[in-house]
Amino acid sequence: MAPEPNPPELHLVAAARPNLPKLAALVHALAERPAFCRPVLVHTGQHHDAAMFGGHLADLGLPPPDVSLGISGGGHAGLTGRTMIACAELWAARRPAMVVVAGDVDGALAATLAARKLGLPVAHLEAGLRCGDLDMPEEINRRAIDAVSTTLWAPDEGTAARLRAEGHAPGAVRAVGNAMIDSLLRARPAAMARPLPPGLVPGGYGVLTLHRPANVDGREALAGLLEAVGAAARRLPLAWPMHPRTRQRLSEFGLAVPEGVMRLPPLGHLDFLGLLARARLVATDSGGVQEEAWALDLPCLTLRPSTERPVTLEAGTNRLVPPAGLGAAVAAVLAGDWPRARPIPLWDGRAGARMAAHLAETMGAAGATA
């Protein structure tokens, strides 16, 4: 069937850095199909500098955004409100056939609310994640996004079943797999060719990432974490690509990075993936890193009391570790007390293809197959 001469627009909303690998999986899958829609990348601006956004586009094979709204800064309410207004103005003037939002940041919530109030269908990429902690802003966002989205793309069958149990129509829910894994598999050869920072050798270091407000926004909590990081670094040198939020808090609180920790700037997608792939372990409060660690069969110590990705716990690569237990957890990994990663169904690098096929069905293209 010949593609439409002027296919309808599909707006893909990227607010922050973690959205990009997920959307990249869909963009590349759509490029391999007959053009039943025209993807339009909309950048809200929540992450806006090269280190946190622009520098990642080329690494992921993404073009510059078609639309840049330039909304950044301020608290949760202010950022959400201003992004809603900007999205509503965009879609009143340039109405797409459908909007795709990825993840659970404030920009994703704002775009979802703006789109639905204009009567636009919304697909939520990475739907159904739940950690149960309603003090976490992302948990509030993801539940709200799921509540009003018209299409819910879940990363696994268990998460899809949870969405249906919450009352979502079975036809609205589709288990498509993990889009982050698609991007990791695509980028891994290029990432492994990137040099490691001077002084690091494969298997001879761990990686640390910290940025969650609960871990870094209070002086007492951050000081306690740094003490635990110091204990871990006495067992294994740590490389710490530092999030701007965390760097700012260290300066505000007058806290120092412990000995044995190599402080690095924010890294591009390929540089970070290359760093992670050759590490002995990773300690993190990130969600996406938990998924990447599974794909790399890398021990992951998650510095949070809960995770919205429990499938990684079941797969054996991830453990929830209280800060005080970080040193002991690192010692356990170094002693070999860690299982090999168990398979996770649908985390096979085909999530993008499944989403593209579902879109083809939803948007009326014939003959779609995953």
Protein backbone atom coordinates (compact mmCIF):
# COMPACT_ATOMS: atom_id res chain seq x y z
CA MET A 1 0.00 0.00 0.00
CA ALA A 2 1.50 3.36 -1.02
CA PRO A 3 2.17 5.78 1.83
CA GLU A 4 -0.04 8.82 2.22
CA PRO A 5 1.39 11.88 0.40
CA ASN A 6 0.83 14.02 3.50
CA PRO A 7 0.74 11.66 6.48
CA PRO A 8 -0.67 12.99 9.75
CA GLU A 9 1.73 14.31 12.36
CA LEU A 10 2.65 12.27 15.42
CA HIS A 11 4.10 14.52 18.11
CA LEU A 12 6.75 12.89 20.31
CA VAL A 13 7.25 14.87 23.52
CA ALA A 14 10.70 14.93 25.08
CA ALA A 15 11.05 16.92 28.29
CA ALA A 16 14.18 15.50 29.90
CA ARG A 17 17.24 13.42 29.10
CA PRO A 18 15.74 10.03 30.17
CA ASN A 19 12.95 10.46 27.61
CA LEU A 20 15.33 10.41 24.67
CA PRO A 21 16.45 6.73 24.54
CA LYS A 22 12.81 5.64 24.82
CA LEU A 23 11.59 7.90 22.05
CA ALA A 24 14.62 7.01 19.90
CA ALA A 25 13.48 3.39 19.81
CA LEU A 26 10.14 4.47 18.34
CA VAL A 27 11.68 6.97 15.91
CA HIS A 28 14.02 4.35 14.44
CA ALA A 29 11.23 1.77 14.20
CA LEU A 30 8.95 4.23 12.40
CA ALA A 31 11.74 4.99 9.92
CA GLU A 32 11.77 1.33 8.89
CA ARG A 33 8.05 1.25 8.02
CA PRO A 34 5.98 2.83 5.23
CA ALA A 35 5.23 6.39 6.27
CA PHE A 36 1.73 6.28 7.78
CA CYS A 37 2.61 9.24 10.03
CA ARG A 38 5.22 11.99 10.28
CA PRO A 39 7.08 12.01 13.61
CA VAL A 40 7.60 15.50 15.04
CA LEU A 41 9.98 15.79 18.01
CA VAL A 42 8.72 18.37 20.53
CA HIS A 43 11.20 19.46 23.21
CA THR A 44 9.50 21.11 26.18
CA GLY A 45 12.79 22.40 27.61
CA GLN A 46 12.80 20.82 31.11
CA HIS A 47 16.36 19.65 30.42
CA HIS A 48 17.80 22.16 28.00
CA ASP A 49 21.59 22.37 27.95
CA ALA A 50 24.01 20.26 25.90
CA ALA A 51 25.10 18.14 28.87
CA MET A 52 21.57 17.18 29.87
CA PHE A 53 19.80 17.11 26.50
CA GLY A 54 21.25 18.43 23.25
CA GLY A 55 24.45 16.41 23.37
CA HIS A 56 22.49 13.17 23.55
CA LEU A 57 20.57 13.58 20.30
CA ALA A 58 23.40 12.66 17.93
CA ASP A 59 24.46 9.73 20.15
CA LEU A 60 20.94 8.32 19.79
CA GLY A 61 20.64 9.03 16.07
CA LEU A 62 17.95 11.64 16.66
CA PRO A 63 17.58 14.89 14.72
CA PRO A 64 17.31 18.27 16.45
CA PRO A 65 13.80 18.90 17.81
CA ASP A 66 11.26 20.12 15.26
CA VAL A 67 9.68 22.27 17.99
CA SER A 68 11.44 23.72 21.06
CA LEU A 69 9.13 25.25 23.64
CA GLY A 70 11.89 26.54 25.92
CA ILE A 71 10.12 25.94 29.24
CA SER A 72 12.54 25.25 32.09
CA GLY A 73 13.20 26.12 35.71
CA GLY A 74 10.90 26.82 38.62
CA GLY A 75 9.15 24.45 40.99
CA HIS A 76 6.96 21.50 40.05
CA ALA A 77 3.75 23.53 39.80
CA GLY A 78 5.27 26.42 37.87
CA LEU A 79 7.08 24.22 35.37
CA THR A 80 4.02 22.03 34.85
CA GLY A 81 1.68 25.00 34.39
CA ARG A 82 3.93 26.89 31.97
CA THR A 83 4.56 23.74 29.94
CA MET A 84 0.82 23.04 29.74
CA ILE A 85 0.21 26.51 28.37
CA ALA A 86 3.00 26.21 25.78
CA CYS A 87 1.80 22.78 24.64
CA ALA A 88 -1.80 23.95 24.38
CA GLU A 89 -0.74 26.92 22.24
CA LEU A 90 1.33 24.65 19.99
CA TRP A 91 -1.46 22.14 19.47
CA ALA A 92 -4.13 24.76 18.95
CA ALA A 93 -2.05 26.07 16.02
CA ARG A 94 -0.57 22.78 14.81
CA ARG A 95 -2.85 19.89 15.69
CA PRO A 96 -1.30 16.40 15.49
CA ALA A 97 -3.21 13.17 15.04
CA MET A 98 -1.71 11.81 18.26
CA VAL A 99 0.77 12.70 21.02
CA VAL A 100 3.33 10.31 22.54
CA VAL A 101 4.79 11.10 25.97
CA ALA A 102 7.61 9.11 27.55
CA GLY A 103 8.37 8.58 31.21
CA ASP A 104 7.19 10.47 34.26
CA VAL A 105 8.80 13.91 34.51
CA ASP A 106 6.79 17.12 34.98
CA GLY A 107 6.98 17.98 31.28
CA ALA A 108 5.44 14.65 30.35
CA LEU A 109 2.53 15.21 32.74
CA ALA A 110 1.97 18.74 31.44
CA ALA A 111 1.95 17.60 27.81
CA THR A 112 -0.49 14.81 28.61
CA LEU A 113 -2.95 17.12 30.36
CA ALA A 114 -2.73 19.75 27.63
CA ALA A 115 -3.27 17.20 24.87
CA ARG A 116 -6.22 15.46 26.51
CA LYS A 117 -7.98 18.75 27.29
CA LEU A 118 -7.75 19.51 23.58
CA GLY A 119 -9.27 16.12 22.75
CA LEU A 120 -6.02 14.64 21.41
CA PRO A 121 -5.25 10.95 21.96
CA VAL A 122 -2.13 10.30 24.02
CA ALA A 123 0.10 7.23 24.11
CA HIS A 124 2.16 6.80 27.28
CA LEU A 125 5.47 5.10 26.58
CA GLU A 126 6.56 3.29 29.75
CA ALA A 127 3.08 3.09 31.28
CA GLY A 128 2.17 1.25 34.45
CA LEU A 129 5.32 1.68 36.52
CA ARG A 130 4.57 1.92 40.25
CA CYS A 131 6.84 2.13 43.30
CA GLY A 132 4.09 2.93 45.83
CA ASP A 133 5.83 6.03 47.19
CA LEU A 134 3.46 8.96 46.74
CA ASP A 135 6.06 11.33 48.20
CA MET A 136 8.06 10.83 44.99
CA PRO A 137 7.05 13.42 42.35
CA GLU A 138 7.57 10.92 39.53
CA GLU A 139 5.14 8.47 41.12
CA ILE A 140 2.44 11.12 41.18
CA ASN A 141 3.17 12.04 37.57
CA ARG A 142 3.14 8.50 36.20
CA ARG A 143 -0.15 7.66 37.88
CA ALA A 144 -1.75 10.86 36.58
CA ILE A 145 -0.43 10.30 33.05
CA ASP A 146 -1.74 6.75 32.99
CA ALA A 147 -5.13 7.85 34.32
CA VAL A 148 -5.94 9.95 31.25
CA SER A 149 -3.84 8.47 28.43
CA THR A 150 -5.72 6.66 25.67
CA THR A 151 -2.93 4.19 24.84
CA LEU A 152 -0.75 2.59 27.51
CA TRP A 153 2.50 0.93 26.40
CA ALA A 154 3.74 -1.24 29.25
CA PRO A 155 7.30 -2.64 29.43
CA ASP A 156 6.23 -6.17 30.39
CA GLU A 157 3.18 -8.39 30.74
CA GLY A 158 3.02 -8.05 34.54
CA THR A 159 2.86 -4.27 34.29
CA ALA A 160 0.19 -4.51 31.58
CA ALA A 161 -1.84 -6.79 33.86
CA ARG A 162 -1.56 -4.21 36.66
CA LEU A 163 -2.94 -1.52 34.38
CA ARG A 164 -5.89 -3.68 33.42
CA ALA A 165 -6.49 -4.47 37.11
CA GLU A 166 -6.56 -0.71 37.80
CA GLY A 167 -9.52 -0.48 35.44
CA HIS A 168 -7.95 0.50 32.12
CA ALA A 169 -9.71 -0.93 29.09
CA PRO A 170 -7.89 -4.04 27.82
CA GLY A 171 -7.81 -2.59 24.31
CA ALA A 172 -5.94 0.47 25.56
CA VAL A 173 -3.13 -1.53 27.15
CA ARG A 174 -0.33 -3.19 25.18
CA ALA A 175 2.81 -4.87 26.55
CA VAL A 176 5.48 -3.78 24.07
CA GLY A 177 8.75 -4.34 25.93
CA ASN A 178 11.40 -1.95 27.15
CA ALA A 179 12.35 0.82 24.71
CA MET A 180 15.47 1.64 26.73
CA ILE A 181 16.86 -1.78 25.84
CA ASP A 182 16.32 -1.10 22.13
CA SER A 183 18.50 2.00 22.35
CA LEU A 184 21.15 0.29 24.46
CA LEU A 185 21.54 -2.59 22.01
CA ARG A 186 21.72 -0.18 19.10
CA ALA A 187 24.34 2.02 20.78
CA ARG A 188 26.47 -0.58 22.53
CA PRO A 189 29.10 -1.16 19.79
CA ALA A 190 29.79 2.57 19.46
CA ALA A 191 29.77 2.99 23.26
CA MET A 192 32.35 0.25 23.75
CA ALA A 193 34.66 2.07 21.35
CA ARG A 194 34.67 5.20 23.54
CA PRO A 195 37.75 5.57 25.75
CA LEU A 196 37.35 5.34 29.51
CA PRO A 197 38.33 8.35 31.61
CA PRO A 198 42.08 8.27 32.39
CA GLY A 199 42.89 6.07 35.35
CA LEU A 200 39.98 3.64 34.94
CA VAL A 201 40.43 0.07 33.74
CA PRO A 202 37.65 -2.34 32.72
CA GLY A 203 36.28 -4.21 35.72
CA GLY A 204 38.31 -2.14 38.14
CA TYR A 205 35.78 0.48 39.18
CA GLY A 206 32.13 1.04 40.04
CA VAL A 207 29.79 3.73 38.75
CA LEU A 208 27.75 6.03 41.00
CA THR A 209 24.76 8.19 40.01
CA LEU A 210 22.65 10.25 42.41
CA HIS A 211 19.98 12.85 41.66
CA ARG A 212 16.69 12.00 43.44
CA PRO A 213 15.42 14.83 45.68
CA ALA A 214 15.02 12.44 48.62
CA ASN A 215 18.73 11.61 48.40
CA VAL A 216 20.34 14.95 47.53
CA ASP A 217 18.04 17.84 48.48
CA GLY A 218 18.55 17.56 52.25
CA ARG A 219 21.96 18.11 53.82
CA GLU A 220 21.59 15.32 56.38
CA ALA A 221 20.50 12.75 53.78
CA LEU A 222 23.24 13.69 51.34
CA ALA A 223 25.93 13.73 54.04
CA GLY A 224 24.87 10.25 55.12
CA LEU A 225 25.01 9.02 51.54
CA LEU A 226 28.48 10.49 51.07
CA GLU A 227 29.68 8.66 54.17
CA ALA A 228 28.34 5.40 52.71
CA VAL A 229 29.90 6.21 49.32
CA GLY A 230 33.24 6.75 51.05
CA ALA A 231 32.99 3.33 52.71
CA ALA A 232 32.19 1.74 49.34
CA ALA A 233 35.05 3.59 47.61
CA ARG A 234 37.53 2.11 50.11
CA ARG A 235 36.62 -1.28 48.62
CA LEU A 236 36.30 -0.27 44.96
CA PRO A 237 37.13 3.02 43.20
CA LEU A 238 33.98 4.80 42.02
CA ALA A 239 33.39 6.97 38.96
CA TRP A 240 30.65 9.57 39.58
CA PRO A 241 29.16 11.40 36.56
CA MET A 242 27.55 14.19 38.52
CA HIS A 243 24.04 15.47 37.84
CA PRO A 244 23.84 19.30 37.92
CA ARG A 245 21.29 19.10 40.74
CA THR A 246 23.67 17.08 42.91
CA ARG A 247 26.65 19.29 42.09
CA GLN A 248 24.64 22.33 43.18
CA ARG A 249 23.60 20.70 46.46
CA LEU A 250 27.17 19.70 47.30
CA SER A 251 28.22 23.31 46.85
CA GLU A 252 25.27 24.70 48.83
CA PHE A 253 25.83 22.32 51.74
CA GLY A 254 29.64 22.61 51.73
CA LEU A 255 30.08 18.86 51.35
CA ALA A 256 33.10 17.18 49.77
CA VAL A 257 33.33 14.16 47.50
CA PRO A 258 34.99 11.27 49.41
CA GLU A 259 38.42 9.95 48.56
CA GLY A 260 38.42 7.15 46.04
CA VAL A 261 35.64 8.76 44.00
CA MET A 262 36.41 10.18 40.55
CA ARG A 263 34.11 13.15 39.98
CA LEU A 264 33.04 13.40 36.32
CA PRO A 265 30.84 15.89 34.46
CA PRO A 266 27.50 14.73 33.02
CA LEU A 267 28.30 12.31 30.19
CA GLY A 268 26.75 11.85 26.79
CA HIS A 269 24.73 8.73 26.08
CA LEU A 270 27.56 6.79 24.44
CA ASP A 271 30.20 7.83 26.98
CA PHE A 272 27.98 6.90 29.90
CA LEU A 273 26.96 3.58 28.37
CA GLY A 274 30.61 2.76 27.66
CA LEU A 275 31.49 3.62 31.27
CA LEU A 276 28.66 1.48 32.61
CA ALA A 277 29.33 -1.50 30.35
CA ARG A 278 32.92 -1.90 31.61
CA ALA A 279 32.20 -1.34 35.32
CA ARG A 280 32.21 -3.95 38.07
CA LEU A 281 28.93 -2.61 39.53
CA VAL A 282 26.70 0.46 39.65
CA ALA A 283 25.16 2.22 42.66
CA THR A 284 22.30 4.47 41.62
CA ASP A 285 18.97 6.08 42.42
CA SER A 286 18.03 6.24 38.71
CA GLY A 287 15.25 4.21 37.15
CA GLY A 288 16.74 3.81 33.69
CA VAL A 289 20.12 2.68 35.01
CA GLN A 290 18.40 -0.26 36.71
CA GLU A 291 17.17 -1.36 33.28
CA GLU A 292 20.50 -0.80 31.56
CA ALA A 293 22.29 -2.78 34.28
CA TRP A 294 20.03 -5.76 33.52
CA ALA A 295 20.90 -5.60 29.82
CA LEU A 296 24.61 -5.46 30.69
CA ASP A 297 24.36 -8.21 33.35
CA LEU A 298 25.82 -5.67 35.77
CA PRO A 299 25.18 -5.76 39.53
CA CYS A 300 22.98 -2.79 40.40
CA LEU A 301 22.70 -1.39 43.94
CA THR A 302 19.63 0.84 43.99
CA LEU A 303 19.86 3.46 46.74
CA ARG A 304 16.13 3.76 47.31
CA PRO A 305 13.58 2.04 49.57
CA SER A 306 11.46 0.93 46.59
CA THR A 307 11.56 0.68 42.82
CA GLU A 308 8.98 1.06 40.06
CA ARG A 309 10.94 -1.61 38.15
CA PRO A 310 10.53 -4.69 40.39
CA VAL A 311 11.07 -6.95 37.39
CA THR A 312 14.79 -6.10 37.66
CA LEU A 313 14.77 -7.37 41.25
CA GLU A 314 13.17 -10.59 40.10
CA ALA A 315 15.72 -10.92 37.31
CA GLY A 316 18.54 -10.88 39.86
CA THR A 317 20.59 -7.92 38.66
CA ASN A 318 19.15 -5.35 41.07
CA ARG A 319 18.97 -5.03 44.85
CA LEU A 320 17.48 -2.28 46.99
CA VAL A 321 20.21 -1.08 49.34
CA PRO A 322 19.84 1.39 52.23
CA PRO A 323 22.71 3.89 52.28
CA ALA A 324 24.18 2.43 55.44
CA GLY A 325 24.45 -0.95 53.71
CA LEU A 326 26.27 0.24 50.60
CA GLY A 327 29.76 -0.80 51.72
CA ALA A 328 28.58 -4.30 52.62
CA ALA A 329 26.68 -4.60 49.34
CA VAL A 330 29.80 -3.66 47.37
CA ALA A 331 31.78 -6.25 49.33
CA ALA A 332 29.18 -8.90 48.48
CA VAL A 333 29.45 -8.13 44.77
CA LEU A 334 33.25 -8.27 44.89
CA ALA A 335 33.03 -11.63 46.68
CA GLY A 336 30.92 -13.02 43.84
CA ASP A 337 27.63 -13.05 45.76
CA TRP A 338 25.55 -12.12 42.73
CA PRO A 339 23.49 -14.21 40.30
CA ARG A 340 23.64 -13.95 36.52
CA ALA A 341 20.82 -11.96 34.96
CA ARG A 342 17.67 -13.93 34.26
CA PRO A 343 15.71 -13.24 31.06
CA ILE A 344 12.87 -10.71 31.05
CA PRO A 345 10.29 -11.44 28.35
CA LEU A 346 9.88 -8.70 25.72
CA TRP A 347 13.13 -6.94 26.69
CA ASP A 348 14.57 -8.03 23.37
CA GLY A 349 15.24 -4.86 21.39
CA ARG A 350 11.89 -5.01 19.59
CA ALA A 351 9.85 -2.59 21.71
CA GLY A 352 10.09 0.12 19.06
CA ALA A 353 8.80 -2.22 16.37
CA ARG A 354 5.86 -3.25 18.56
CA MET A 355 4.96 0.37 19.32
CA ALA A 356 5.19 1.29 15.63
CA ALA A 357 2.95 -1.61 14.70
CA HIS A 358 0.41 -0.65 17.34
CA LEU A 359 0.45 2.94 16.09
CA ALA A 360 -0.13 1.72 12.58
CA GLU A 361 -3.22 -0.12 13.80
CA THR A 362 -4.39 2.80 15.95
CA MET A 363 -3.86 5.39 13.25
CA GLY A 364 -5.57 3.32 10.59
CA ALA A 365 -2.71 1.87 8.52
CA ALA A 366 -3.41 -1.55 7.05
CA GLY A 367 -1.36 -4.70 7.33
CA ALA A 368 0.54 -3.83 10.50
CA THR A 369 2.53 -6.66 12.07
CA ALA A 370 5.01 -6.62 14.94
